[in-house]
């Protein structure tokens, strides 16, 4: 979901926001509890990915 994306329904908008957070934002966002690594980087270092 990009900025200024129009959605026909509220459900479509909710799905777009959920998809953005789960598929783009959270995997790349750095977290202080895992030494400021992204979840993807952390899993690679831990041998989980």
Protein backbone atom coordinates (compact mmCIF):
# COMPACT_ATOMS: atom_id res chain seq x y z
CA UNK A 1 0.00 0.00 0.00
CA UNK A 2 1.46 3.30 -1.05
CA UNK A 3 0.61 6.80 -0.05
CA UNK A 4 -2.52 8.19 -1.65
CA UNK A 5 -3.87 4.78 -2.56
CA UNK A 6 -7.64 4.85 -2.93
CA UNK A 7 -9.66 1.94 -1.64
CA UNK A 8 -13.19 1.11 -2.62
CA UNK A 9 -14.14 -0.22 0.81
CA UNK A 10 -13.04 0.05 4.42
CA UNK A 11 -12.11 -3.66 4.41
CA UNK A 12 -9.86 -3.09 1.42
CA UNK A 13 -8.16 -0.20 3.26
CA UNK A 14 -7.69 -2.34 6.41
CA UNK A 15 -6.13 -5.11 4.34
CA UNK A 16 -3.78 -2.64 2.68
CA UNK A 17 -2.61 -1.23 6.03
CA UNK A 18 -2.17 -4.72 7.50
CA UNK A 19 -0.18 -5.83 4.46
CA UNK A 20 2.08 -2.77 4.70
CA UNK A 21 2.80 -3.28 8.40
CA UNK A 22 3.34 -7.04 8.30
CA UNK A 23 5.11 -7.35 4.96
CA UNK A 24 7.18 -4.18 4.73
CA UNK A 25 7.44 -2.14 7.93
CA UNK A 26 7.96 -4.73 10.67
CA UNK A 27 10.57 -6.89 8.88
CA UNK A 28 12.73 -3.85 8.12
CA UNK A 29 12.17 -1.82 11.31
CA UNK A 30 14.98 -1.99 13.86
CA UNK A 31 14.01 -3.18 17.35
CA UNK A 32 15.85 -2.16 20.51
CA UNK A 33 15.16 -5.50 22.22
CA UNK A 34 17.17 -7.33 19.56
CA UNK A 35 20.19 -5.01 19.56
CA UNK A 36 18.71 -2.59 17.00
CA UNK A 37 18.60 -5.20 14.27
CA UNK A 38 15.65 -5.77 12.01
CA UNK A 39 13.77 -9.01 12.70
CA UNK A 40 15.07 -10.42 9.41
CA UNK A 41 18.70 -9.55 10.30
CA UNK A 42 18.27 -10.99 13.79
CA UNK A 43 16.93 -14.30 12.48
CA UNK A 44 19.81 -14.55 10.00
CA UNK A 45 22.39 -14.00 12.75
CA UNK A 46 20.65 -16.45 15.07
CA UNK A 47 20.53 -19.10 12.33
CA UNK A 48 16.75 -19.16 12.32
CA UNK A 49 16.17 -18.02 8.75
